[in-house]
Amino acid sequence: MNPQAAYNMCCKYQGKRVRITDNGGNVHVGRITRVDNRNVWLMPDAGGYGIGFWGFGAGVGFGYGIALGAITGIALASVFFI
């Protein structure tokens, strides 16, 4: 997936729970909290209790970032995606 297509899809799904696959084969599941021109920020699920992940450094409160250029696939995550 090219970075522009990934950016557009992330903007479309902002605030929603998604499943993102990166070019290393890693799968990330969480809620999109922020999208900028280089990264998408995910708040990972915390056991289903809504506690969230506070991140660190510049990403405090946004979870963790995934580079748009590293994304190979994005799908809306249902309750059954783990």
N, C-alpha and C. Protein backbone atom coordinates (compact mmCIF):
# COMPACT_ATOMS: atom_id res chain seq x y z
N MET A 1 0.85 -1.17 0.00
CA MET A 1 0.00 0.00 0.00
C MET A 1 0.90 1.23 0.00
N ASN A 2 0.62 2.17 -0.88
CA ASN A 2 1.46 3.37 -0.91
C ASN A 2 1.09 4.29 0.26
N PRO A 3 2.04 5.14 0.69
CA PRO A 3 1.80 5.99 1.86
C PRO A 3 0.58 6.91 1.73
N GLN A 4 0.30 7.42 0.55
CA GLN A 4 -0.86 8.30 0.37
C GLN A 4 -2.16 7.53 0.57
N ALA A 5 -2.24 6.32 0.04
CA ALA A 5 -3.44 5.50 0.24
C ALA A 5 -3.60 5.12 1.71
N ALA A 6 -2.48 4.81 2.38
CA ALA A 6 -2.53 4.48 3.81
C ALA A 6 -2.99 5.69 4.61
N TYR A 7 -2.49 6.88 4.28
CA TYR A 7 -2.88 8.11 4.96
C TYR A 7 -4.39 8.35 4.81
N ASN A 8 -4.88 8.24 3.58
CA ASN A 8 -6.31 8.47 3.33
C ASN A 8 -7.18 7.48 4.09
N MET A 9 -6.78 6.21 4.11
CA MET A 9 -7.56 5.20 4.81
C MET A 9 -7.52 5.43 6.32
N CYS A 10 -6.35 5.80 6.84
CA CYS A 10 -6.23 6.07 8.28
C CYS A 10 -7.09 7.26 8.67
N CYS A 11 -7.12 8.30 7.84
CA CYS A 11 -7.98 9.46 8.12
C CYS A 11 -9.45 9.05 8.13
N LYS A 12 -9.82 8.20 7.19
CA LYS A 12 -11.20 7.71 7.10
C LYS A 12 -11.59 6.91 8.34
N TYR A 13 -10.66 6.13 8.88
CA TYR A 13 -10.95 5.26 10.02
C TYR A 13 -10.54 5.87 11.36
N GLN A 14 -10.15 7.14 11.41
CA GLN A 14 -9.73 7.75 12.66
C GLN A 14 -10.83 7.64 13.71
N GLY A 15 -10.43 7.21 14.93
CA GLY A 15 -11.38 7.00 16.01
C GLY A 15 -11.97 5.61 16.04
N LYS A 16 -11.70 4.83 15.02
CA LYS A 16 -12.23 3.47 14.93
C LYS A 16 -11.16 2.45 15.29
N ARG A 17 -11.60 1.26 15.67
CA ARG A 17 -10.69 0.16 16.00
C ARG A 17 -10.30 -0.52 14.68
N VAL A 18 -9.00 -0.64 14.45
CA VAL A 18 -8.50 -1.20 13.20
C VAL A 18 -7.46 -2.29 13.44
N ARG A 19 -7.20 -3.01 12.39
CA ARG A 19 -6.13 -4.01 12.36
C ARG A 19 -5.19 -3.60 11.24
N ILE A 20 -3.94 -3.28 11.59
CA ILE A 20 -2.95 -2.82 10.61
C ILE A 20 -1.83 -3.85 10.51
N THR A 21 -1.48 -4.21 9.30
CA THR A 21 -0.36 -5.11 9.04
C THR A 21 0.76 -4.27 8.44
N ASP A 22 1.99 -4.44 8.98
CA ASP A 22 3.11 -3.67 8.44
C ASP A 22 3.95 -4.56 7.53
N ASN A 23 4.95 -3.95 6.88
CA ASN A 23 5.76 -4.71 5.92
C ASN A 23 6.69 -5.72 6.57
N GLY A 24 6.78 -5.73 7.90
CA GLY A 24 7.54 -6.74 8.62
C GLY A 24 6.67 -7.93 9.01
N GLY A 25 5.38 -7.89 8.65
CA GLY A 25 4.46 -8.97 8.98
C GLY A 25 3.82 -8.82 10.36
N ASN A 26 4.13 -7.74 11.08
CA ASN A 26 3.54 -7.51 12.40
C ASN A 26 2.11 -7.02 12.25
N VAL A 27 1.24 -7.47 13.15
CA VAL A 27 -0.16 -7.05 13.15
C VAL A 27 -0.39 -6.19 14.38
N HIS A 28 -0.97 -5.01 14.17
CA HIS A 28 -1.25 -4.06 15.24
C HIS A 28 -2.77 -3.86 15.30
N VAL A 29 -3.35 -4.02 16.48
CA VAL A 29 -4.78 -3.82 16.65
C VAL A 29 -4.99 -2.75 17.70
N GLY A 30 -5.79 -1.76 17.38
CA GLY A 30 -6.08 -0.69 18.32
C GLY A 30 -6.92 0.39 17.67
N ARG A 31 -7.18 1.44 18.41
CA ARG A 31 -7.99 2.55 17.94
C ARG A 31 -7.06 3.65 17.41
N ILE A 32 -7.36 4.16 16.21
CA ILE A 32 -6.56 5.25 15.63
C ILE A 32 -6.89 6.53 16.39
N THR A 33 -5.87 7.12 17.01
CA THR A 33 -6.08 8.34 17.78
C THR A 33 -5.57 9.57 17.06
N ARG A 34 -4.66 9.40 16.12
CA ARG A 34 -4.06 10.55 15.43
C ARG A 34 -3.44 10.08 14.13
N VAL A 35 -3.47 10.93 13.12
CA VAL A 35 -2.82 10.67 11.84
C VAL A 35 -2.09 11.93 11.44
N ASP A 36 -0.80 11.81 11.11
CA ASP A 36 -0.08 12.95 10.55
C ASP A 36 0.52 12.52 9.22
N ASN A 37 1.35 13.35 8.63
CA ASN A 37 1.85 13.03 7.28
C ASN A 37 2.91 11.94 7.26
N ARG A 38 3.33 11.43 8.43
CA ARG A 38 4.33 10.36 8.48
C ARG A 38 3.88 9.12 9.24
N ASN A 39 3.01 9.30 10.24
CA ASN A 39 2.64 8.20 11.12
C ASN A 39 1.14 8.15 11.38
N VAL A 40 0.70 6.96 11.76
CA VAL A 40 -0.62 6.78 12.32
C VAL A 40 -0.39 6.34 13.76
N TRP A 41 -1.17 6.88 14.70
CA TRP A 41 -1.00 6.59 16.11
C TRP A 41 -2.13 5.69 16.58
N LEU A 42 -1.76 4.56 17.19
CA LEU A 42 -2.73 3.60 17.70
C LEU A 42 -2.72 3.55 19.22
N MET A 43 -3.90 3.49 19.79
CA MET A 43 -4.05 3.21 21.21
C MET A 43 -4.42 1.73 21.29
N PRO A 44 -3.47 0.88 21.71
CA PRO A 44 -3.75 -0.55 21.73
C PRO A 44 -4.82 -0.90 22.74
N ASP A 45 -5.48 -2.01 22.49
CA ASP A 45 -6.48 -2.52 23.42
C ASP A 45 -5.78 -2.94 24.70
N ALA A 46 -6.42 -2.70 25.83
CA ALA A 46 -5.84 -3.07 27.12
C ALA A 46 -6.76 -4.08 27.80
N GLY A 47 -6.83 -5.26 27.22
CA GLY A 47 -7.65 -6.31 27.82
C GLY A 47 -9.14 -6.04 27.75
N GLY A 48 -9.55 -5.11 26.91
CA GLY A 48 -10.96 -4.83 26.76
C GLY A 48 -11.56 -3.95 27.84
N TYR A 49 -10.73 -3.37 28.73
CA TYR A 49 -11.25 -2.56 29.82
C TYR A 49 -11.18 -1.08 29.55
N GLY A 50 -10.68 -0.66 28.39
CA GLY A 50 -10.63 0.74 28.04
C GLY A 50 -9.58 1.54 28.78
N ILE A 51 -8.59 0.88 29.37
CA ILE A 51 -7.56 1.58 30.12
C ILE A 51 -6.62 2.31 29.17
N GLY A 52 -6.27 1.68 28.07
CA GLY A 52 -5.43 2.31 27.06
C GLY A 52 -3.96 2.26 27.39
N PHE A 53 -3.17 2.89 26.55
CA PHE A 53 -1.72 2.92 26.66
C PHE A 53 -1.31 4.37 26.55
N TRP A 54 -0.51 4.86 27.49
CA TRP A 54 -0.18 6.27 27.53
C TRP A 54 1.01 6.66 26.68
N GLY A 55 1.74 5.72 26.13
CA GLY A 55 2.85 6.07 25.25
C GLY A 55 4.00 6.70 26.01
N PHE A 56 4.89 7.33 25.28
CA PHE A 56 6.05 7.96 25.89
C PHE A 56 6.57 9.03 24.95
N GLY A 57 7.43 9.90 25.48
CA GLY A 57 8.04 10.96 24.66
C GLY A 57 7.00 11.86 24.02
N ALA A 58 7.20 12.17 22.75
CA ALA A 58 6.30 13.08 22.05
C ALA A 58 4.92 12.48 21.84
N GLY A 59 4.79 11.18 21.98
CA GLY A 59 3.52 10.51 21.71
C GLY A 59 2.64 10.33 22.92
N VAL A 60 2.91 11.04 24.01
CA VAL A 60 2.13 10.85 25.24
C VAL A 60 0.65 11.07 24.95
N GLY A 61 -0.15 10.11 25.35
CA GLY A 61 -1.59 10.19 25.16
C GLY A 61 -2.07 9.71 23.81
N PHE A 62 -1.18 9.41 22.89
CA PHE A 62 -1.57 8.98 21.56
C PHE A 62 -1.30 7.50 21.30
N GLY A 63 -0.72 6.77 22.25
CA GLY A 63 -0.37 5.39 22.02
C GLY A 63 0.99 5.31 21.36
N TYR A 64 1.11 4.57 20.27
CA TYR A 64 2.39 4.46 19.57
C TYR A 64 2.18 4.66 18.08
N GLY A 65 3.25 5.08 17.41
CA GLY A 65 3.15 5.41 15.99
C GLY A 65 3.63 4.29 15.10
N ILE A 66 3.02 4.20 13.92
CA ILE A 66 3.43 3.29 12.86
C ILE A 66 3.65 4.14 11.62
N ALA A 67 4.80 4.00 10.99
CA ALA A 67 5.09 4.78 9.79
C ALA A 67 4.13 4.42 8.66
N LEU A 68 3.58 5.44 8.01
CA LEU A 68 2.64 5.20 6.92
C LEU A 68 3.28 4.38 5.80
N GLY A 69 4.57 4.58 5.55
CA GLY A 69 5.25 3.85 4.49
C GLY A 69 5.44 2.37 4.80
N ALA A 70 5.28 1.99 6.07
CA ALA A 70 5.47 0.59 6.47
C ALA A 70 4.17 -0.20 6.46
N ILE A 71 3.05 0.45 6.20
CA ILE A 71 1.75 -0.22 6.25
C ILE A 71 1.48 -0.96 4.95
N THR A 72 1.12 -2.24 5.09
CA THR A 72 0.77 -3.03 3.91
C THR A 72 -0.72 -3.31 3.83
N GLY A 73 -1.43 -3.17 4.96
CA GLY A 73 -2.86 -3.41 4.94
C GLY A 73 -3.55 -2.82 6.16
N ILE A 74 -4.79 -2.36 5.95
CA ILE A 74 -5.60 -1.80 7.03
C ILE A 74 -7.00 -2.36 6.89
N ALA A 75 -7.57 -2.80 8.00
CA ALA A 75 -8.96 -3.28 7.99
C ALA A 75 -9.62 -2.85 9.27
N LEU A 76 -10.91 -2.57 9.20
CA LEU A 76 -11.65 -2.30 10.42
C LEU A 76 -11.65 -3.58 11.25
N ALA A 77 -11.39 -3.45 12.54
CA ALA A 77 -11.32 -4.61 13.42
C ALA A 77 -12.68 -4.83 14.07
N SER A 78 -13.18 -6.03 13.96
CA SER A 78 -14.41 -6.36 14.64
C SER A 78 -14.09 -6.78 16.07
N VAL A 79 -15.10 -7.08 16.83
CA VAL A 79 -14.93 -7.53 18.20
C VAL A 79 -14.13 -8.84 18.22
N PHE A 80 -14.19 -9.60 17.16
CA PHE A 80 -13.55 -10.90 17.12
C PHE A 80 -12.09 -10.89 16.69
N PHE A 81 -11.61 -9.74 16.15
CA PHE A 81 -10.19 -9.63 15.79
C PHE A 81 -9.35 -9.60 17.05
N ILE A 82 -8.32 -10.39 17.10
CA ILE A 82 -7.39 -10.36 18.25
C ILE A 82 -6.01 -10.12 17.73
